N, C-alpha and C. Protein backbone atom coordinates (compact mmCIF):
# COMPACT_ATOMS: atom_id res chain seq x y z
N MET A 1 -23.86 29.46 11.53
CA MET A 1 -22.32 30.25 12.42
C MET A 1 -21.82 31.06 11.26
N GLY A 2 -21.31 31.64 11.91
CA GLY A 2 -20.62 32.77 11.13
C GLY A 2 -19.02 32.77 11.53
N LYS A 3 -17.97 34.12 11.17
CA LYS A 3 -17.81 34.74 11.45
C LYS A 3 -17.43 35.49 13.07
N GLN A 4 -18.58 36.31 12.58
CA GLN A 4 -18.93 37.47 14.05
C GLN A 4 -19.27 36.56 15.21
N ASN A 5 -19.99 35.51 14.94
CA ASN A 5 -20.72 34.82 15.68
C ASN A 5 -19.68 33.54 16.92
N SER A 6 -19.73 34.09 18.22
CA SER A 6 -18.81 33.44 19.11
C SER A 6 -19.94 32.70 20.01
N LYS A 7 -20.82 32.96 20.15
CA LYS A 7 -21.67 31.58 20.94
C LYS A 7 -22.69 30.94 20.52
N LEU A 8 -22.89 29.53 20.47
CA LEU A 8 -23.24 28.23 20.20
C LEU A 8 -24.82 29.22 20.61
N THR A 9 -25.96 29.46 19.58
CA THR A 9 -26.81 29.38 19.89
C THR A 9 -27.93 28.17 20.32
N PRO A 10 -29.14 28.23 20.90
CA PRO A 10 -29.90 26.81 21.29
C PRO A 10 -30.18 26.49 19.80
N SER A 11 -30.50 27.43 19.43
CA SER A 11 -31.14 26.75 18.07
C SER A 11 -30.23 26.14 16.71
N VAL A 12 -28.86 26.54 17.28
CA VAL A 12 -28.06 25.98 16.42
C VAL A 12 -27.37 24.67 17.03
N LEU A 13 -27.75 24.66 18.87
CA LEU A 13 -26.93 23.53 19.38
C LEU A 13 -28.33 22.57 18.84
N SER A 14 -29.28 22.73 18.93
CA SER A 14 -30.01 21.66 18.63
C SER A 14 -30.18 21.49 17.20
N ASP A 15 -30.30 22.00 16.12
CA ASP A 15 -29.68 21.45 14.80
C ASP A 15 -28.73 20.78 14.53
N MET A 16 -27.39 20.71 16.22
CA MET A 16 -26.46 20.14 15.81
C MET A 16 -26.36 19.26 15.89
N VAL A 17 -27.16 18.69 17.40
CA VAL A 17 -27.62 17.59 17.74
C VAL A 17 -28.74 16.76 16.66
N ASN A 18 -29.49 17.80 15.99
CA ASN A 18 -30.35 16.58 15.43
C ASN A 18 -29.40 15.99 14.15
N SER A 19 -28.58 16.90 13.55
CA SER A 19 -27.59 16.16 12.38
C SER A 19 -25.98 15.73 12.98
N THR A 20 -26.06 15.16 14.18
CA THR A 20 -25.18 14.45 14.11
C THR A 20 -25.41 13.35 15.12
N ASP A 21 -24.18 12.86 15.67
CA ASP A 21 -24.00 11.79 16.73
C ASP A 21 -23.89 12.23 17.73
N PHE A 22 -23.78 13.67 18.04
CA PHE A 22 -23.07 13.92 19.50
C PHE A 22 -24.13 14.42 20.54
N THR A 23 -23.94 14.20 21.58
CA THR A 23 -24.42 14.59 22.37
C THR A 23 -24.67 16.34 23.17
N GLU A 24 -25.97 17.12 23.51
CA GLU A 24 -25.17 18.31 23.83
C GLU A 24 -24.92 18.88 24.51
N ARG A 25 -23.79 17.94 25.48
CA ARG A 25 -22.65 18.21 26.00
C ARG A 25 -21.59 18.09 25.15
N GLU A 26 -21.34 17.17 24.58
CA GLU A 26 -20.28 16.95 23.60
C GLU A 26 -19.68 18.11 22.62
N ILE A 27 -21.50 18.35 21.87
CA ILE A 27 -21.32 19.21 20.55
C ILE A 27 -20.75 21.02 22.02
N ARG A 28 -21.12 21.11 22.98
CA ARG A 28 -20.24 22.08 23.93
C ARG A 28 -19.27 22.01 23.93
N LEU A 29 -18.55 20.70 24.68
CA LEU A 29 -17.15 20.49 24.72
C LEU A 29 -16.30 21.09 23.46
N TRP A 30 -17.05 20.13 22.57
CA TRP A 30 -15.91 20.32 21.15
C TRP A 30 -16.23 21.99 20.32
N TYR A 31 -17.37 22.55 20.97
CA TYR A 31 -17.36 23.57 20.77
C TYR A 31 -16.49 25.04 21.27
N LYS A 32 -16.17 24.07 22.62
CA LYS A 32 -15.05 24.85 23.12
C LYS A 32 -13.69 25.13 22.85
N SER A 33 -13.31 24.05 22.22
CA SER A 33 -11.82 23.64 21.63
C SER A 33 -11.78 24.04 20.61
N PHE A 34 -12.69 23.98 19.67
CA PHE A 34 -12.68 24.39 18.31
C PHE A 34 -12.89 26.21 18.20
N ARG A 35 -12.79 26.91 19.21
CA ARG A 35 -13.15 28.48 19.49
C ARG A 35 -11.96 28.44 20.14
N LYS A 36 -11.19 27.73 20.94
CA LYS A 36 -10.08 28.01 21.28
C LYS A 36 -8.97 27.85 20.07
N ASP A 37 -8.96 26.95 19.48
CA ASP A 37 -7.88 26.49 17.81
C ASP A 37 -8.16 27.62 17.09
N CYS A 38 -9.56 27.93 17.36
CA CYS A 38 -10.11 28.69 15.91
C CYS A 38 -11.00 29.65 16.49
N PRO A 39 -10.51 31.17 16.64
CA PRO A 39 -10.66 32.30 17.25
C PRO A 39 -11.63 32.88 16.39
N THR A 40 -11.27 32.92 14.96
CA THR A 40 -12.41 33.55 14.21
C THR A 40 -13.31 32.66 14.46
N GLY A 41 -13.49 31.22 14.17
CA GLY A 41 -15.09 30.36 14.31
C GLY A 41 -14.71 29.71 12.68
N ILE A 42 -13.38 29.57 11.97
CA ILE A 42 -13.63 28.60 10.71
C ILE A 42 -12.16 28.76 10.97
N LEU A 43 -12.17 27.54 9.93
CA LEU A 43 -10.69 26.66 9.81
C LEU A 43 -10.33 26.45 8.14
N SER A 44 -9.42 27.72 8.22
CA SER A 44 -8.64 27.53 6.74
C SER A 44 -8.08 26.55 6.45
N LEU A 45 -7.51 26.16 5.19
CA LEU A 45 -7.50 25.15 4.55
C LEU A 45 -5.75 25.46 5.35
N GLU A 46 -4.86 26.04 5.26
CA GLU A 46 -3.61 26.26 5.91
C GLU A 46 -3.44 25.74 7.59
N ASP A 47 -4.90 26.29 8.34
CA ASP A 47 -5.00 26.02 9.13
C ASP A 47 -5.33 24.37 9.52
N PHE A 48 -6.24 23.49 8.47
CA PHE A 48 -6.45 22.10 8.57
C PHE A 48 -4.90 21.18 7.70
N ILE A 49 -4.12 21.94 6.95
CA ILE A 49 -2.81 21.46 6.56
C ILE A 49 -2.12 21.33 8.35
N LYS A 50 -1.62 22.43 8.94
CA LYS A 50 -1.06 22.56 10.21
C LYS A 50 -1.81 21.23 10.93
N LEU A 51 -3.32 21.45 11.52
CA LEU A 51 -2.93 19.93 12.11
C LEU A 51 -2.85 18.69 11.59
N TYR A 52 -2.93 18.78 10.14
CA TYR A 52 -2.88 16.53 9.86
C TYR A 52 -1.08 16.80 9.93
N LYS A 53 -0.29 17.83 9.42
CA LYS A 53 1.18 17.98 9.78
C LYS A 53 1.25 17.54 11.50
N ASP A 54 0.22 17.81 11.92
CA ASP A 54 0.96 17.79 14.04
C ASP A 54 0.38 16.60 13.60
N PHE A 55 -0.68 15.36 13.06
CA PHE A 55 -0.28 14.26 13.47
C PHE A 55 0.01 13.59 12.83
N PHE A 56 0.70 13.78 12.01
CA PHE A 56 1.40 12.68 11.26
C PHE A 56 3.31 13.37 10.45
N PRO A 57 3.36 14.00 11.92
CA PRO A 57 4.88 14.90 11.59
C PRO A 57 6.19 13.93 10.68
N THR A 58 6.21 12.67 10.73
CA THR A 58 6.79 12.32 10.02
C THR A 58 6.54 12.13 8.21
N GLY A 59 5.82 12.48 8.01
CA GLY A 59 5.54 12.78 6.51
C GLY A 59 4.90 13.91 6.14
N ASP A 60 4.69 13.95 4.67
CA ASP A 60 4.00 15.36 4.09
C ASP A 60 2.56 15.30 4.12
N ALA A 61 1.88 15.65 5.19
CA ALA A 61 0.34 15.62 5.27
C ALA A 61 -0.40 16.11 4.27
N SER A 62 0.53 17.45 3.37
CA SER A 62 -0.37 18.60 2.77
C SER A 62 -1.19 18.25 1.68
N VAL A 63 -0.88 17.21 1.08
CA VAL A 63 -2.17 16.79 -0.34
C VAL A 63 -3.22 16.48 0.85
N PHE A 64 -2.68 15.28 0.81
CA PHE A 64 -3.82 14.30 1.70
C PHE A 64 -5.52 15.70 2.58
N ALA A 65 -4.36 16.62 3.58
CA ALA A 65 -5.15 16.91 4.28
C ALA A 65 -6.42 18.12 2.93
N GLU A 66 -5.47 18.77 2.00
CA GLU A 66 -6.20 19.54 1.30
C GLU A 66 -7.37 19.06 0.76
N HIS A 67 -7.08 17.33 0.06
CA HIS A 67 -8.41 16.88 -0.18
C HIS A 67 -9.49 16.30 0.83
N ALA A 68 -8.95 16.07 2.34
CA ALA A 68 -9.47 15.92 3.14
C ALA A 68 -10.51 17.26 3.90
N PHE A 69 -10.19 18.87 3.97
CA PHE A 69 -10.37 19.21 3.61
C PHE A 69 -11.66 19.63 2.67
N ARG A 70 -11.44 19.20 1.47
CA ARG A 70 -12.51 19.70 0.46
C ARG A 70 -13.64 18.84 0.87
N THR A 71 -13.58 17.29 1.29
CA THR A 71 -14.87 16.81 2.11
C THR A 71 -15.39 17.17 3.39
N PHE A 72 -14.62 18.40 4.06
CA PHE A 72 -15.45 18.68 5.29
C PHE A 72 -15.82 19.91 4.96
N ASP A 73 -15.45 20.87 4.04
CA ASP A 73 -16.23 21.92 3.36
C ASP A 73 -17.13 21.91 2.76
N THR A 74 -18.61 21.35 2.95
CA THR A 74 -19.72 21.39 2.21
C THR A 74 -20.20 22.14 1.44
N ASN A 75 -19.99 23.52 1.74
CA ASN A 75 -20.58 24.77 1.13
C ASN A 75 -19.37 25.74 -0.01
N GLY A 76 -18.70 24.69 0.48
CA GLY A 76 -17.71 25.18 -0.90
C GLY A 76 -17.06 26.15 -1.01
N ASP A 77 -16.85 27.13 0.12
CA ASP A 77 -17.12 28.15 0.27
C ASP A 77 -15.48 28.73 0.86
N GLY A 78 -14.42 27.87 0.78
CA GLY A 78 -12.96 27.73 1.25
C GLY A 78 -12.73 27.57 2.68
N THR A 79 -13.57 27.29 3.66
CA THR A 79 -13.14 27.31 4.80
C THR A 79 -14.16 26.58 5.64
N ILE A 80 -13.61 25.62 6.70
CA ILE A 80 -14.81 24.85 7.65
C ILE A 80 -15.23 26.01 8.68
N ASP A 81 -16.85 25.86 8.73
CA ASP A 81 -17.38 26.55 10.26
C ASP A 81 -17.17 25.00 11.50
N PHE A 82 -17.67 25.53 12.21
CA PHE A 82 -17.87 24.67 13.26
C PHE A 82 -19.34 23.35 12.77
N LYS A 83 -19.88 23.65 12.19
CA LYS A 83 -21.23 22.55 12.11
C LYS A 83 -20.76 21.65 10.88
N GLU A 84 -19.70 22.20 10.07
CA GLU A 84 -19.23 21.23 8.85
C GLU A 84 -18.25 20.45 9.63
N PHE A 85 -17.66 21.06 10.54
CA PHE A 85 -16.51 20.39 10.83
C PHE A 85 -17.00 18.93 11.86
N MET A 86 -18.29 19.63 12.79
CA MET A 86 -19.10 18.52 13.26
C MET A 86 -19.40 17.56 12.72
N CYS A 87 -20.01 17.46 11.38
CA CYS A 87 -21.05 16.86 10.48
C CYS A 87 -19.63 15.97 10.10
N ALA A 88 -18.62 15.90 9.68
CA ALA A 88 -17.87 15.66 8.79
C ALA A 88 -17.21 14.99 10.09
N LEU A 89 -16.86 15.06 11.74
CA LEU A 89 -16.30 14.09 12.27
C LEU A 89 -17.34 13.39 13.13
N SER A 90 -18.77 13.44 13.33
CA SER A 90 -19.81 12.17 13.01
C SER A 90 -19.61 11.62 12.64
N VAL A 91 -20.04 11.87 11.11
CA VAL A 91 -19.49 10.51 10.18
C VAL A 91 -18.51 9.84 10.45
N THR A 92 -17.30 10.39 10.13
CA THR A 92 -15.85 9.31 10.31
C THR A 92 -15.74 8.89 11.41
N SER A 93 -16.20 9.09 12.74
CA SER A 93 -16.10 8.74 14.19
C SER A 93 -17.20 8.03 14.45
N ARG A 94 -18.59 8.10 14.57
CA ARG A 94 -19.63 7.66 14.67
C ARG A 94 -20.43 7.50 13.73
N GLY A 95 -20.48 7.42 12.61
CA GLY A 95 -21.59 7.37 11.54
C GLY A 95 -21.66 5.62 10.91
N THR A 96 -22.66 5.22 10.48
CA THR A 96 -22.76 3.62 10.05
C THR A 96 -21.65 3.38 8.94
N PHE A 97 -21.63 2.18 8.89
CA PHE A 97 -21.06 1.82 7.52
C PHE A 97 -20.85 2.06 6.14
N GLU A 98 -22.47 2.36 6.24
CA GLU A 98 -22.74 3.09 4.71
C GLU A 98 -22.29 4.91 4.99
N GLU A 99 -22.44 5.25 5.68
CA GLU A 99 -22.20 6.27 5.84
C GLU A 99 -20.81 6.81 5.73
N LYS A 100 -20.06 6.11 6.38
CA LYS A 100 -18.35 6.10 6.38
C LYS A 100 -17.99 5.66 5.27
N LEU A 101 -18.78 4.93 3.98
CA LEU A 101 -18.09 4.21 3.03
C LEU A 101 -18.28 5.75 1.92
N LYS A 102 -19.25 6.48 2.23
CA LYS A 102 -20.36 7.51 1.75
C LYS A 102 -19.01 8.53 1.78
N TRP A 103 -19.33 8.91 2.97
CA TRP A 103 -17.74 9.99 2.89
C TRP A 103 -16.31 9.20 2.49
N ALA A 104 -16.17 8.37 2.16
CA ALA A 104 -15.16 7.46 2.16
C ALA A 104 -14.60 8.24 0.25
N TYR A 105 -16.05 8.26 -0.15
CA TYR A 105 -16.22 7.75 -1.50
C TYR A 105 -15.89 9.30 -2.12
N THR A 106 -16.12 10.38 -1.31
CA THR A 106 -16.05 11.41 -1.47
C THR A 106 -15.36 12.03 -1.98
N MET A 107 -14.44 11.48 -0.94
CA MET A 107 -12.36 11.88 -0.81
C MET A 107 -12.03 11.04 -1.96
N TYR A 108 -12.42 10.54 -2.48
CA TYR A 108 -11.67 9.62 -3.73
C TYR A 108 -12.15 10.01 -4.95
N ASP A 109 -13.40 10.87 -5.40
CA ASP A 109 -14.29 11.09 -5.96
C ASP A 109 -13.74 12.81 -6.34
N LEU A 110 -12.44 13.17 -7.01
CA LEU A 110 -11.97 14.68 -6.76
C LEU A 110 -13.13 14.64 -8.02
N ASP A 111 -13.97 15.36 -8.49
CA ASP A 111 -14.04 16.08 -9.63
C ASP A 111 -15.24 16.18 -9.46
N ASN A 112 -16.24 15.04 -8.28
CA ASN A 112 -17.68 15.24 -7.96
C ASN A 112 -18.30 14.86 -9.38
N ASP A 113 -17.55 14.43 -10.58
CA ASP A 113 -18.76 13.42 -11.00
C ASP A 113 -19.85 12.10 -10.63
N GLY A 114 -18.99 11.42 -9.99
CA GLY A 114 -20.08 10.54 -9.27
C GLY A 114 -19.33 8.88 -9.79
N HIS A 115 -17.78 9.01 -10.17
CA HIS A 115 -17.28 8.07 -11.00
C HIS A 115 -15.97 8.40 -10.07
N VAL A 116 -15.10 7.29 -9.55
CA VAL A 116 -14.05 7.04 -9.52
C VAL A 116 -13.60 6.10 -10.38
N THR A 117 -12.10 7.60 -10.98
CA THR A 117 -10.88 7.09 -11.43
C THR A 117 -9.84 6.21 -11.46
N ARG A 118 -9.22 5.43 -12.16
CA ARG A 118 -7.50 5.17 -11.39
C ARG A 118 -6.92 6.07 -10.82
N LYS A 119 -6.83 7.30 -11.94
CA LYS A 119 -5.84 8.49 -11.92
C LYS A 119 -5.96 9.34 -10.48
N GLU A 120 -7.67 9.21 -10.30
CA GLU A 120 -8.28 9.80 -8.40
C GLU A 120 -7.86 9.13 -8.00
N MET A 121 -7.77 8.15 -7.81
CA MET A 121 -7.48 7.06 -6.62
C MET A 121 -6.72 6.97 -6.60
N LEU A 122 -5.28 6.82 -7.55
CA LEU A 122 -3.64 6.76 -7.14
C LEU A 122 -3.48 8.71 -6.79
N GLU A 123 -3.67 9.13 -7.20
CA GLU A 123 -3.65 10.65 -6.45
C GLU A 123 -3.98 10.51 -4.58
N ILE A 124 -4.70 9.87 -4.26
CA ILE A 124 -5.57 9.95 -3.10
C ILE A 124 -4.39 9.06 -2.49
N ILE A 125 -4.19 7.90 -2.79
CA ILE A 125 -3.41 7.19 -2.27
C ILE A 125 -1.63 7.09 -1.85
N LYS A 126 -1.75 7.62 -3.05
CA LYS A 126 -0.47 8.63 -3.46
C LYS A 126 0.09 9.42 -1.90
N ALA A 127 -1.33 10.36 -2.08
CA ALA A 127 -1.17 10.91 -0.93
C ALA A 127 -0.89 10.58 0.44
N ILE A 128 -1.73 9.39 0.42
CA ILE A 128 -1.80 8.94 2.03
C ILE A 128 -0.42 8.22 2.03
N TYR A 129 0.43 7.61 1.09
CA TYR A 129 1.74 7.20 1.19
C TYR A 129 3.03 8.22 1.67
N LYS A 130 2.70 9.52 1.14
CA LYS A 130 3.19 10.92 1.29
C LYS A 130 3.09 11.12 2.89
N MET A 131 1.53 10.96 3.28
CA MET A 131 1.27 11.43 4.49
C MET A 131 1.93 10.47 5.79
N VAL A 132 2.07 9.57 5.51
CA VAL A 132 2.37 8.10 6.63
C VAL A 132 3.74 7.89 6.33
N GLY A 133 3.94 8.57 5.47
CA GLY A 133 5.87 7.74 5.10
C GLY A 133 5.89 6.60 5.10
N VAL A 134 7.02 6.09 4.15
CA VAL A 134 7.15 4.83 3.69
C VAL A 134 7.85 4.11 4.66
N GLU A 135 8.52 4.32 5.64
CA GLU A 135 8.75 3.16 6.28
C GLU A 135 7.06 3.00 7.79
N ALA A 136 6.34 4.00 7.88
CA ALA A 136 5.68 3.75 8.54
C ALA A 136 4.27 3.11 7.84
N MET A 137 4.17 3.29 6.57
CA MET A 137 3.15 2.25 5.44
C MET A 137 3.52 0.90 6.06
N ALA A 138 5.29 0.70 5.37
CA ALA A 138 5.27 -0.57 5.08
C ALA A 138 5.43 -1.46 6.56
N LYS A 139 4.70 -0.49 8.29
CA LYS A 139 4.28 -1.10 8.62
C LYS A 139 2.89 -2.17 9.35
N ILE A 140 2.08 -0.83 8.71
CA ILE A 140 0.91 -0.60 8.53
C ILE A 140 0.06 -2.14 7.03
N VAL A 141 1.30 -2.10 5.99
CA VAL A 141 0.16 -2.62 5.18
C VAL A 141 1.51 -3.31 4.80
N THR A 142 1.86 -4.80 5.39
CA THR A 142 3.02 -5.57 5.12
C THR A 142 3.26 -6.55 3.69
N ASP A 143 2.33 -5.83 2.71
CA ASP A 143 2.61 -6.43 0.80
C ASP A 143 3.35 -5.56 0.24
N GLY A 144 3.83 -4.35 0.58
CA GLY A 144 4.85 -4.07 0.06
C GLY A 144 4.52 -4.01 -1.28
N LEU A 145 3.34 -3.11 -1.49
CA LEU A 145 2.66 -2.87 -2.62
C LEU A 145 3.17 -1.49 -3.24
N THR A 146 3.71 -0.75 -4.11
CA THR A 146 3.27 0.83 -4.46
C THR A 146 2.05 1.08 -4.92
N ALA A 147 2.03 2.27 -4.85
CA ALA A 147 0.94 3.03 -4.81
C ALA A 147 -0.07 2.81 -5.80
N GLN A 148 1.03 2.65 -6.82
CA GLN A 148 -0.24 2.02 -8.43
C GLN A 148 -0.48 0.88 -8.01
N GLN A 149 0.56 -0.16 -7.21
CA GLN A 149 -0.12 -1.69 -7.27
C GLN A 149 -1.54 -1.68 -6.26
N ARG A 150 -1.24 -0.90 -5.40
CA ARG A 150 -2.33 -0.87 -4.93
C ARG A 150 -3.74 -0.15 -5.22
N VAL A 151 -3.55 0.50 -6.33
CA VAL A 151 -4.75 0.99 -7.05
C VAL A 151 -5.11 -0.07 -8.01
N ASP A 152 -4.50 -0.73 -8.62
CA ASP A 152 -4.52 -1.46 -9.17
C ASP A 152 -5.63 -3.03 -8.96
N ARG A 153 -4.56 -3.23 -7.64
CA ARG A 153 -5.54 -3.90 -6.19
C ARG A 153 -6.98 -3.74 -6.37
N ILE A 154 -6.91 -2.61 -6.24
CA ILE A 154 -8.70 -2.52 -5.13
C ILE A 154 -9.37 -2.00 -6.71
N PHE A 155 -9.20 -1.70 -7.83
CA PHE A 155 -9.80 -1.56 -9.19
C PHE A 155 -9.87 -2.78 -9.86
N SER A 156 -9.37 -4.07 -9.16
CA SER A 156 -9.64 -5.45 -9.96
C SER A 156 -10.73 -5.51 -8.72
N ARG A 157 -10.75 -5.43 -7.92
CA ARG A 157 -12.18 -5.72 -6.89
C ARG A 157 -13.06 -5.25 -6.67
N MET A 158 -12.92 -4.04 -7.34
CA MET A 158 -14.36 -3.13 -7.22
C MET A 158 -14.99 -2.62 -8.79
N ASP A 159 -14.21 -2.64 -9.69
CA ASP A 159 -14.39 -2.14 -11.02
C ASP A 159 -15.22 -3.66 -11.89
N ARG A 160 -16.47 -3.78 -11.32
CA ARG A 160 -17.41 -4.75 -11.83
C ARG A 160 -17.68 -4.81 -12.85
N ASP A 161 -18.06 -3.87 -14.01
CA ASP A 161 -18.36 -4.01 -15.43
C ASP A 161 -17.11 -3.28 -16.11
N GLY A 162 -16.24 -3.41 -15.34
CA GLY A 162 -14.52 -2.59 -16.50
C GLY A 162 -14.24 -1.64 -16.92
N ASP A 163 -15.34 -0.59 -16.98
CA ASP A 163 -15.42 0.01 -17.49
C ASP A 163 -13.97 1.44 -17.09
N GLU A 164 -13.33 0.73 -15.79
CA GLU A 164 -12.26 1.64 -15.38
C GLU A 164 -12.87 2.93 -14.70
N GLN A 165 -14.00 3.18 -13.89
CA GLN A 165 -14.84 3.56 -13.39
C GLN A 165 -15.26 3.28 -12.35
N ILE A 166 -15.32 3.62 -10.92
CA ILE A 166 -15.59 2.98 -10.03
C ILE A 166 -17.46 3.43 -9.37
N THR A 167 -18.10 3.32 -9.16
CA THR A 167 -19.26 3.87 -8.68
C THR A 167 -19.68 3.60 -7.85
N VAL A 168 -20.34 4.52 -7.22
CA VAL A 168 -20.37 4.68 -5.56
C VAL A 168 -21.38 3.13 -5.59
N ASP A 169 -21.75 2.65 -6.10
CA ASP A 169 -22.76 1.32 -5.78
C ASP A 169 -21.29 0.32 -5.89
N GLU A 170 -20.72 0.36 -6.80
CA GLU A 170 -19.61 -0.65 -7.39
C GLU A 170 -18.89 -0.47 -5.99
N PHE A 171 -18.25 1.08 -5.65
CA PHE A 171 -17.81 1.15 -3.92
C PHE A 171 -17.97 0.53 -2.61
N LYS A 172 -19.30 0.80 -2.59
CA LYS A 172 -20.40 0.28 -1.20
C LYS A 172 -20.59 -1.38 -1.61
N LYS A 173 -20.77 -1.97 -2.90
CA LYS A 173 -21.00 -3.43 -2.86
C LYS A 173 -19.35 -3.98 -2.82
N ALA A 174 -18.58 -3.73 -3.07
CA ALA A 174 -17.00 -4.35 -2.41
C ALA A 174 -16.63 -4.26 -1.55
N ALA A 175 -16.96 -3.10 -1.35
CA ALA A 175 -15.91 -2.78 0.50
C ALA A 175 -16.87 -3.44 1.51
N SER A 176 -18.80 -3.65 1.14
CA SER A 176 -19.41 -4.56 1.93
C SER A 176 -18.62 -6.28 1.90
N GLU A 177 -18.38 -6.71 0.69
CA GLU A 177 -17.86 -7.71 0.45
C GLU A 177 -16.76 -8.44 0.92
N ASP A 178 -15.89 -7.43 1.32
CA ASP A 178 -14.61 -7.72 1.25
C ASP A 178 -13.94 -6.53 2.35
N LEU A 179 -13.84 -6.59 3.38
CA LEU A 179 -13.75 -5.98 4.71
C LEU A 179 -12.08 -5.21 4.55
N SER A 180 -11.14 -6.05 3.55
CA SER A 180 -9.87 -6.00 3.46
C SER A 180 -10.20 -5.09 2.41
N LEU A 181 -10.65 -4.59 1.31
CA LEU A 181 -11.06 -3.53 0.95
C LEU A 181 -10.91 -2.60 1.80
N VAL A 182 -11.74 -2.01 2.50
CA VAL A 182 -11.33 -0.94 3.45
C VAL A 182 -10.62 0.06 3.89
N MET A 183 -9.85 -1.79 4.40
CA MET A 183 -8.61 -1.30 5.63
C MET A 183 -8.03 -0.57 4.26
N LEU A 184 -7.66 -1.28 3.16
CA LEU A 184 -6.52 -0.30 2.25
C LEU A 184 -7.39 0.52 2.18
N LEU A 185 -8.49 0.86 1.70
CA LEU A 185 -9.06 2.75 1.23
C LEU A 185 -8.90 4.03 2.26
N GLN A 186 -8.40 2.85 3.27
CA GLN A 186 -8.59 3.74 4.91
C GLN A 186 -7.41 3.63 5.29
N VAL A 187 -6.12 3.36 5.26
CA VAL A 187 -4.56 3.50 5.41
C VAL A 187 -4.63 5.30 5.74
N GLY A 188 -3.67 5.11 6.51
CA GLY A 188 -3.56 6.67 6.87
C GLY A 188 -4.46 7.36 7.28
N GLY A 189 -5.43 7.12 7.73
CA GLY A 189 -6.59 7.08 8.07
C GLY A 189 -7.40 8.08 6.99
N GLY A 190 -7.15 8.33 6.13
CA GLY A 190 -7.92 8.73 4.79
C GLY A 190 -8.67 7.75 4.16
N GLY A 191 -10.02 8.31 4.35
CA GLY A 191 -11.58 7.78 4.07
C GLY A 191 -12.33 7.37 4.72
N GLY A 192 -12.01 7.49 6.10
CA GLY A 192 -13.27 7.85 7.19
C GLY A 192 -13.57 6.09 7.03
N ALA A 193 -13.68 5.37 6.61
CA ALA A 193 -14.16 3.96 6.83
C ALA A 193 -13.81 3.28 7.96
N ASN A 194 -13.74 3.85 9.14
CA ASN A 194 -13.36 2.58 10.06
C ASN A 194 -14.65 1.95 10.57
N THR A 195 -14.35 0.29 10.86
CA THR A 195 -15.82 -0.17 11.42
C THR A 195 -15.56 -0.25 12.51
């Protein structure tokens, strides 16, 4: 895909059918909608933030949207093309539990060093709280925990070796053993680990 290419070529379509869980017809429909919303064929960070603000009008979705954008922009060029969009959408909406957990992990691993620290997790959880809004958050999770308390709870369950960082294996193991952790991680749509 590129900025100049306004057609979905047969080879790109075939590649996308093979690399996502969408049918050819679904990809064509998504492409039509994507091109309508993004005539240039790319989605900028600013456009992405606007989309999140539309979904979460009562909160401040900008920080969370920036982190989500990072996970969608797999080639790191500062934009999301249609293929990147569809691959991320495929994982978050139709991927296996394992694929969704891996995607969620990339959201929390801000510096992409293979470990999630308390600081990294706190940044994402705070962004979720801001995006959803305090009142809505209280309706979603009724335990009344602050962002810091929520991170402490998650860490106490996931950090098996007590080294103050969570590896992808610890993340997957803890989430597969306790689905309530998945709920804690995905509040507000963050993490993409819907089951």
